[in-house]
Amino acid sequence: MKSIDFQQIIASPVAAYQEGLRFFMGEGILNETLRRVAKDLENHQIDYSVIGAVALNQHGYRRFTEDIDCF
């Protein structure tokens, strides 16, 4: 797996904007991270809910974010 420095991406306005567009299309770093986390939680039969901007994005409310909120 390719290592990406997320802090470096969000430090650049152009790179942050491009990553935000990928996030809105479901293809960003946060999307991939959430898929991995969700798979691990499900494999260990741990209930979870995604909240915050990531959840809002799935319901059509576009917000930039740099984290994943799980409960």
PDB file of N, CA and C in Angstrom:
ATOM      1  N   MET A   1       0.829  -1.173   0.000  1.00  0.00           N
ATOM      2  CA  MET A   1       0.000   0.000   0.000  1.00  0.00           C
ATOM      3  C   MET A   1       0.881   1.247   0.000  1.00  0.00           C
ATOM      4  N   LYS A   2       0.521   2.194  -0.817  1.00  0.00           N
ATOM      5  CA  LYS A   2       1.278   3.435  -0.949  1.00  0.00           C
ATOM      6  C   LYS A   2       1.061   4.317   0.289  1.00  0.00           C
ATOM      7  N   SER A   3       2.138   4.827   0.871  1.00  0.00           N
ATOM      8  CA  SER A   3       2.057   5.695   2.035  1.00  0.00           C
ATOM      9  C   SER A   3       1.876   7.143   1.577  1.00  0.00           C
ATOM     10  N   ILE A   4       0.864   7.797   2.133  1.00  0.00           N
ATOM     11  CA  ILE A   4       0.563   9.178   1.781  1.00  0.00           C
ATOM     12  C   ILE A   4       0.554  10.011   3.056  1.00  0.00           C
ATOM     13  N   ASP A   5       1.221  11.152   3.031  1.00  0.00           N
ATOM     14  CA  ASP A   5       1.247  12.054   4.169  1.00  0.00           C
ATOM     15  C   ASP A   5       0.062  13.011   4.059  1.00  0.00           C
ATOM     16  N   PHE A   6      -0.990  12.710   4.801  1.00  0.00           N
ATOM     17  CA  PHE A   6      -2.207  13.505   4.729  1.00  0.00           C
ATOM     18  C   PHE A   6      -1.966  14.939   5.181  1.00  0.00           C
ATOM     19  N   GLN A   7      -1.121  15.136   6.181  1.00  0.00           N
ATOM     20  CA  GLN A   7      -0.822  16.489   6.656  1.00  0.00           C
ATOM     21  C   GLN A   7      -0.170  17.326   5.557  1.00  0.00           C
ATOM     22  N   GLN A   8       0.652  16.695   4.740  1.00  0.00           N
ATOM     23  CA  GLN A   8       1.288  17.398   3.632  1.00  0.00           C
ATOM     24  C   GLN A   8       0.237  17.806   2.587  1.00  0.00           C
ATOM     25  N   ILE A   9      -0.731  16.947   2.369  1.00  0.00           N
ATOM     26  CA  ILE A   9      -1.788  17.257   1.408  1.00  0.00           C
ATOM     27  C   ILE A   9      -2.613  18.452   1.886  1.00  0.00           C
ATOM     28  N   ILE A  10      -3.037  18.429   3.149  1.00  0.00           N
ATOM     29  CA  ILE A  10      -3.892  19.523   3.607  1.00  0.00           C
ATOM     30  C   ILE A  10      -3.120  20.820   3.825  1.00  0.00           C
ATOM     31  N   ALA A  11      -1.804  20.758   3.826  1.00  0.00           N
ATOM     32  CA  ALA A  11      -0.991  21.972   3.942  1.00  0.00           C
ATOM     33  C   ALA A  11      -0.948  22.758   2.638  1.00  0.00           C
ATOM     34  N   SER A  12      -1.267  22.104   1.540  1.00  0.00           N
ATOM     35  CA  SER A  12      -1.261  22.754   0.226  1.00  0.00           C
ATOM     36  C   SER A  12      -2.709  23.041  -0.191  1.00  0.00           C
ATOM     37  N   PRO A  13      -3.075  24.306  -0.401  1.00  0.00           N
ATOM     38  CA  PRO A  13      -4.453  24.606  -0.804  1.00  0.00           C
ATOM     39  C   PRO A  13      -4.895  23.852  -2.064  1.00  0.00           C
ATOM     40  N   VAL A  14      -4.036  23.744  -3.043  1.00  0.00           N
ATOM     41  CA  VAL A  14      -4.398  23.055  -4.289  1.00  0.00           C
ATOM     42  C   VAL A  14      -4.579  21.558  -4.030  1.00  0.00           C
ATOM     43  N   ALA A  15      -3.631  20.951  -3.336  1.00  0.00           N
ATOM     44  CA  ALA A  15      -3.730  19.513  -3.044  1.00  0.00           C
ATOM     45  C   ALA A  15      -4.926  19.227  -2.140  1.00  0.00           C
ATOM     46  N   ALA A  16      -5.203  20.103  -1.177  1.00  0.00           N
ATOM     47  CA  ALA A  16      -6.342  19.917  -0.278  1.00  0.00           C
ATOM     48  C   ALA A  16      -7.661  19.983  -1.063  1.00  0.00           C
ATOM     49  N   TYR A  17      -7.748  20.933  -1.977  1.00  0.00           N
ATOM     50  CA  TYR A  17      -8.948  21.055  -2.806  1.00  0.00           C
ATOM     51  C   TYR A  17      -9.143  19.802  -3.661  1.00  0.00           C
ATOM     52  N   GLN A  18      -8.073  19.325  -4.276  1.00  0.00           N
ATOM     53  CA  GLN A  18      -8.158  18.119  -5.107  1.00  0.00           C
ATOM     54  C   GLN A  18      -8.566  16.907  -4.266  1.00  0.00           C
ATOM     55  N   GLU A  19      -8.002  16.788  -3.067  1.00  0.00           N
ATOM     56  CA  GLU A  19      -8.372  15.683  -2.179  1.00  0.00           C
ATOM     57  C   GLU A  19      -9.833  15.818  -1.757  1.00  0.00           C
ATOM     58  N   GLY A  20     -10.281  17.052  -1.529  1.00  0.00           N
ATOM     59  CA  GLY A  20     -11.687  17.271  -1.190  1.00  0.00           C
ATOM     60  C   GLY A  20     -12.614  16.810  -2.296  1.00  0.00           C
ATOM     61  N   LEU A  21     -12.255  17.094  -3.529  1.00  0.00           N
ATOM     62  CA  LEU A  21     -13.066  16.615  -4.656  1.00  0.00           C
ATOM     63  C   LEU A  21     -13.087  15.090  -4.715  1.00  0.00           C
ATOM     64  N   ARG A  22     -11.939  14.455  -4.458  1.00  0.00           N
ATOM     65  CA  ARG A  22     -11.896  12.985  -4.434  1.00  0.00           C
ATOM     66  C   ARG A  22     -12.774  12.452  -3.301  1.00  0.00           C
ATOM     67  N   PHE A  23     -12.748  13.125  -2.148  1.00  0.00           N
ATOM     68  CA  PHE A  23     -13.589  12.740  -1.005  1.00  0.00           C
ATOM     69  C   PHE A  23     -15.062  12.776  -1.405  1.00  0.00           C
ATOM     70  N   PHE A  24     -15.489  13.857  -2.075  1.00  0.00           N
ATOM     71  CA  PHE A  24     -16.888  13.974  -2.473  1.00  0.00           C
ATOM     72  C   PHE A  24     -17.279  12.894  -3.479  1.00  0.00           C
ATOM     73  N   MET A  25     -16.331  12.383  -4.243  1.00  0.00           N
ATOM     74  CA  MET A  25     -16.608  11.320  -5.218  1.00  0.00           C
ATOM     75  C   MET A  25     -16.462   9.930  -4.595  1.00  0.00           C
ATOM     76  N   GLY A  26     -16.108   9.872  -3.295  1.00  0.00           N
ATOM     77  CA  GLY A  26     -15.951   8.584  -2.623  1.00  0.00           C
ATOM     78  C   GLY A  26     -14.623   7.921  -2.888  1.00  0.00           C
ATOM     79  N   GLU A  27     -13.642   8.686  -3.373  1.00  0.00           N
ATOM     80  CA  GLU A  27     -12.354   8.117  -3.776  1.00  0.00           C
ATOM     81  C   GLU A  27     -11.167   8.678  -2.990  1.00  0.00           C
ATOM     82  N   GLY A  28     -11.420   9.451  -1.951  1.00  0.00           N
ATOM     83  CA  GLY A  28     -10.342  10.109  -1.227  1.00  0.00           C
ATOM     84  C   GLY A  28      -9.666   9.221  -0.191  1.00  0.00           C
ATOM     85  N   ILE A  29      -8.646   9.760   0.414  1.00  0.00           N
ATOM     86  CA  ILE A  29      -7.899   9.050   1.459  1.00  0.00           C
ATOM     87  C   ILE A  29      -8.822   8.692   2.617  1.00  0.00           C
ATOM     88  N   LEU A  30      -9.676   9.636   3.033  1.00  0.00           N
ATOM     89  CA  LEU A  30     -10.591   9.355   4.143  1.00  0.00           C
ATOM     90  C   LEU A  30     -11.570   8.251   3.785  1.00  0.00           C
ATOM     91  N   ASN A  31     -12.039   8.232   2.545  1.00  0.00           N
ATOM     92  CA  ASN A  31     -12.964   7.178   2.115  1.00  0.00           C
ATOM     93  C   ASN A  31     -12.301   5.801   2.221  1.00  0.00           C
ATOM     94  N   GLU A  32     -11.073   5.710   1.736  1.00  0.00           N
ATOM     95  CA  GLU A  32     -10.349   4.431   1.795  1.00  0.00           C
ATOM     96  C   GLU A  32     -10.071   4.019   3.233  1.00  0.00           C
ATOM     97  N   THR A  33      -9.709   4.990   4.070  1.00  0.00           N
ATOM     98  CA  THR A  33      -9.457   4.708   5.481  1.00  0.00           C
ATOM     99  C   THR A  33     -10.724   4.209   6.156  1.00  0.00           C
ATOM    100  N   LEU A  34     -11.847   4.861   5.882  1.00  0.00           N
ATOM    101  CA  LEU A  34     -13.117   4.433   6.476  1.00  0.00           C
ATOM    102  C   LEU A  34     -13.476   3.027   6.032  1.00  0.00           C
ATOM    103  N   ARG A  35     -13.241   2.694   4.776  1.00  0.00           N
ATOM    104  CA  ARG A  35     -13.521   1.328   4.314  1.00  0.00           C
ATOM    105  C   ARG A  35     -12.706   0.300   5.097  1.00  0.00           C
ATOM    106  N   ARG A  36     -11.415   0.602   5.315  1.00  0.00           N
ATOM    107  CA  ARG A  36     -10.556  -0.326   6.068  1.00  0.00           C
ATOM    108  C   ARG A  36     -11.012  -0.440   7.522  1.00  0.00           C
ATOM    109  N   VAL A  37     -11.320   0.688   8.152  1.00  0.00           N
ATOM    110  CA  VAL A  37     -11.757   0.678   9.553  1.00  0.00           C
ATOM    111  C   VAL A  37     -13.079  -0.075   9.679  1.00  0.00           C
ATOM    112  N   ALA A  38     -14.022   0.211   8.794  1.00  0.00           N
ATOM    113  CA  ALA A  38     -15.326  -0.462   8.844  1.00  0.00           C
ATOM    114  C   ALA A  38     -15.170  -1.967   8.675  1.00  0.00           C
ATOM    115  N   LYS A  39     -14.319  -2.378   7.761  1.00  0.00           N
ATOM    116  CA  LYS A  39     -14.088  -3.815   7.550  1.00  0.00           C
ATOM    117  C   LYS A  39     -13.528  -4.466   8.807  1.00  0.00           C
ATOM    118  N   ASP A  40     -12.555  -3.818   9.442  1.00  0.00           N
ATOM    119  CA  ASP A  40     -11.973  -4.362  10.678  1.00  0.00           C
ATOM    120  C   ASP A  40     -13.014  -4.445  11.790  1.00  0.00           C
ATOM    121  N   LEU A  41     -13.808  -3.392  11.955  1.00  0.00           N
ATOM    122  CA  LEU A  41     -14.838  -3.402  12.994  1.00  0.00           C
ATOM    123  C   LEU A  41     -15.862  -4.499  12.735  1.00  0.00           C
ATOM    124  N   GLU A  42     -16.280  -4.634  11.488  1.00  0.00           N
ATOM    125  CA  GLU A  42     -17.251  -5.668  11.144  1.00  0.00           C
ATOM    126  C   GLU A  42     -16.665  -7.066  11.332  1.00  0.00           C
ATOM    127  N   ASN A  43     -15.407  -7.259  10.972  1.00  0.00           N
ATOM    128  CA  ASN A  43     -14.759  -8.561  11.158  1.00  0.00           C
ATOM    129  C   ASN A  43     -14.678  -8.954  12.630  1.00  0.00           C
ATOM    130  N   HIS A  44     -14.620  -7.957  13.506  1.00  0.00           N
ATOM    131  CA  HIS A  44     -14.563  -8.211  14.946  1.00  0.00           C
ATOM    132  C   HIS A  44     -15.929  -8.055  15.606  1.00  0.00           C
ATOM    133  N   GLN A  45     -16.971  -7.958  14.788  1.00  0.00           N
ATOM    134  CA  GLN A  45     -18.357  -7.846  15.234  1.00  0.00           C
ATOM    135  C   GLN A  45     -18.539  -6.705  16.235  1.00  0.00           C
ATOM    136  N   ILE A  46     -17.952  -5.558  15.923  1.00  0.00           N
ATOM    137  CA  ILE A  46     -18.068  -4.362  16.749  1.00  0.00           C
ATOM    138  C   ILE A  46     -19.045  -3.412  16.072  1.00  0.00           C
ATOM    139  N   ASP A  47     -20.105  -3.062  16.785  1.00  0.00           N
ATOM    140  CA  ASP A  47     -21.073  -2.108  16.255  1.00  0.00           C
ATOM    141  C   ASP A  47     -20.456  -0.714  16.221  1.00  0.00           C
ATOM    142  N   TYR A  48     -20.826   0.076  15.226  1.00  0.00           N
ATOM    143  CA  TYR A  48     -20.303   1.437  15.106  1.00  0.00           C
ATOM    144  C   TYR A  48     -21.274   2.276  14.289  1.00  0.00           C
ATOM    145  N   SER A  49     -21.149   3.570  14.437  1.00  0.00           N
ATOM    146  CA  SER A  49     -21.878   4.537  13.614  1.00  0.00           C
ATOM    147  C   SER A  49     -20.892   5.581  13.143  1.00  0.00           C
ATOM    148  N   VAL A  50     -21.042   6.002  11.920  1.00  0.00           N
ATOM    149  CA  VAL A  50     -20.222   7.096  11.384  1.00  0.00           C
ATOM    150  C   VAL A  50     -21.049   8.366  11.527  1.00  0.00           C
ATOM    151  N   ILE A  51     -20.443   9.396  12.105  1.00  0.00           N
ATOM    152  CA  ILE A  51     -21.132  10.661  12.321  1.00  0.00           C
ATOM    153  C   ILE A  51     -20.284  11.789  11.730  1.00  0.00           C
ATOM    154  N   GLY A  52     -20.743  13.003  11.855  1.00  0.00           N
ATOM    155  CA  GLY A  52     -19.952  14.146  11.406  1.00  0.00           C
ATOM    156  C   GLY A  52     -20.018  14.345   9.899  1.00  0.00           C
ATOM    157  N   ALA A  53     -19.000  15.018   9.374  1.00  0.00           N
ATOM    158  CA  ALA A  53     -18.978  15.410   7.965  1.00  0.00           C
ATOM    159  C   ALA A  53     -19.011  14.218   7.014  1.00  0.00           C
ATOM    160  N   VAL A  54     -18.387  13.101   7.392  1.00  0.00           N
ATOM    161  CA  VAL A  54     -18.401  11.924   6.516  1.00  0.00           C
ATOM    162  C   VAL A  54     -19.836  11.409   6.369  1.00  0.00           C
ATOM    163  N   ALA A  55     -20.570  11.356   7.466  1.00  0.00           N
ATOM    164  CA  ALA A  55     -21.968  10.914   7.403  1.00  0.00           C
ATOM    165  C   ALA A  55     -22.808  11.904   6.605  1.00  0.00           C
ATOM    166  N   LEU A  56     -22.594  13.188   6.839  1.00  0.00           N
ATOM    167  CA  LEU A  56     -23.334  14.201   6.085  1.00  0.00           C
ATOM    168  C   LEU A  56     -23.075  14.074   4.592  1.00  0.00           C
ATOM    169  N   ASN A  57     -21.838  13.798   4.222  1.00  0.00           N
ATOM    170  CA  ASN A  57     -21.481  13.638   2.817  1.00  0.00           C
ATOM    171  C   ASN A  57     -22.300  12.515   2.173  1.00  0.00           C
ATOM    172  N   GLN A  58     -22.512  11.442   2.905  1.00  0.00           N
ATOM    173  CA  GLN A  58     -23.269  10.315   2.365  1.00  0.00           C
ATOM    174  C   GLN A  58     -24.744  10.649   2.157  1.00  0.00           C
ATOM    175  N   HIS A  59     -25.202  11.704   2.826  1.00  0.00           N
ATOM    176  CA  HIS A  59     -26.597  12.137   2.684  1.00  0.00           C
ATOM    177  C   HIS A  59     -26.730  13.359   1.783  1.00  0.00           C
ATOM    178  N   GLY A  60     -25.660  13.679   1.061  1.00  0.00           N
ATOM    179  CA  GLY A  60     -25.728  14.754   0.084  1.00  0.00           C
ATOM    180  C   GLY A  60     -25.355  16.140   0.580  1.00  0.00           C
ATOM    181  N   TYR A  61     -24.956  16.259   1.851  1.00  0.00           N
ATOM    182  CA  TYR A  61     -24.535  17.548   2.393  1.00  0.00           C
ATOM    183  C   TYR A  61     -23.015  17.620   2.310  1.00  0.00           C
ATOM    184  N   ARG A  62     -22.508  18.370   1.378  1.00  0.00           N
ATOM    185  CA  ARG A  62     -21.071  18.412   1.113  1.00  0.00           C
ATOM    186  C   ARG A  62     -20.345  19.307   2.107  1.00  0.00           C
ATOM    187  N   ARG A  63     -19.422  18.711   2.856  1.00  0.00           N
ATOM    188  CA  ARG A  63     -18.564  19.437   3.793  1.00  0.00           C
ATOM    189  C   ARG A  63     -17.172  18.854   3.710  1.00  0.00           C
ATOM    190  N   PHE A  64     -16.188  19.715   3.659  1.00  0.00           N
ATOM    191  CA  PHE A  64     -14.804  19.248   3.728  1.00  0.00           C
ATOM    192  C   PHE A  64     -14.506  18.791   5.152  1.00  0.00           C
ATOM    193  N   THR A  65     -13.658  17.802   5.302  1.00  0.00           N
ATOM    194  CA  THR A  65     -13.258  17.338   6.622  1.00  0.00           C
ATOM    195  C   THR A  65     -11.868  16.738   6.532  1.00  0.00           C
ATOM    196  N   GLU A  66     -11.231  16.619   7.661  1.00  0.00           N
ATOM    197  CA  GLU A  66      -9.921  15.986   7.709  1.00  0.00           C
ATOM    198  C   GLU A  66      -9.894  14.816   8.685  1.00  0.00           C
ATOM    199  N   ASP A  67     -11.083  14.408   9.168  1.00  0.00           N
ATOM    200  CA  ASP A  67     -11.130  13.293  10.110  1.00  0.00           C
ATOM    201  C   ASP A  67     -12.381  12.459   9.899  1.00  0.00           C
ATOM    202  N   ILE A  68     -12.411  11.317  10.584  1.00  0.00           N
ATOM    203  CA  ILE A  68     -13.556  10.425  10.557  1.00  0.00           C
ATOM    204  C   ILE A  68     -14.048  10.311  11.984  1.00  0.00           C
ATOM    205  N   ASP A  69     -15.336  10.608  12.181  1.00  0.00           N
ATOM    206  CA  ASP A  69     -15.940  10.508  13.511  1.00  0.00           C
ATOM    207  C   ASP A  69     -16.775   9.251  13.564  1.00  0.00           C
ATOM    208  N   CYS A  70     -16.413   8.361  14.495  1.00  0.00           N
ATOM    209  CA  CYS A  70     -17.166   7.121  14.704  1.00  0.00           C
ATOM    210  C   CYS A  70     -17.636   7.074  16.140  1.00  0.00           C
ATOM    211  N   PHE A  71     -18.760   6.435  16.330  1.00  0.00           N
ATOM    212  CA  PHE A  71     -19.325   6.285  17.669  1.00  0.00           C
ATOM    213  C   PHE A  71     -19.620   4.835  17.893  1.00  0.00           C
TER     214      PHE A  71
END
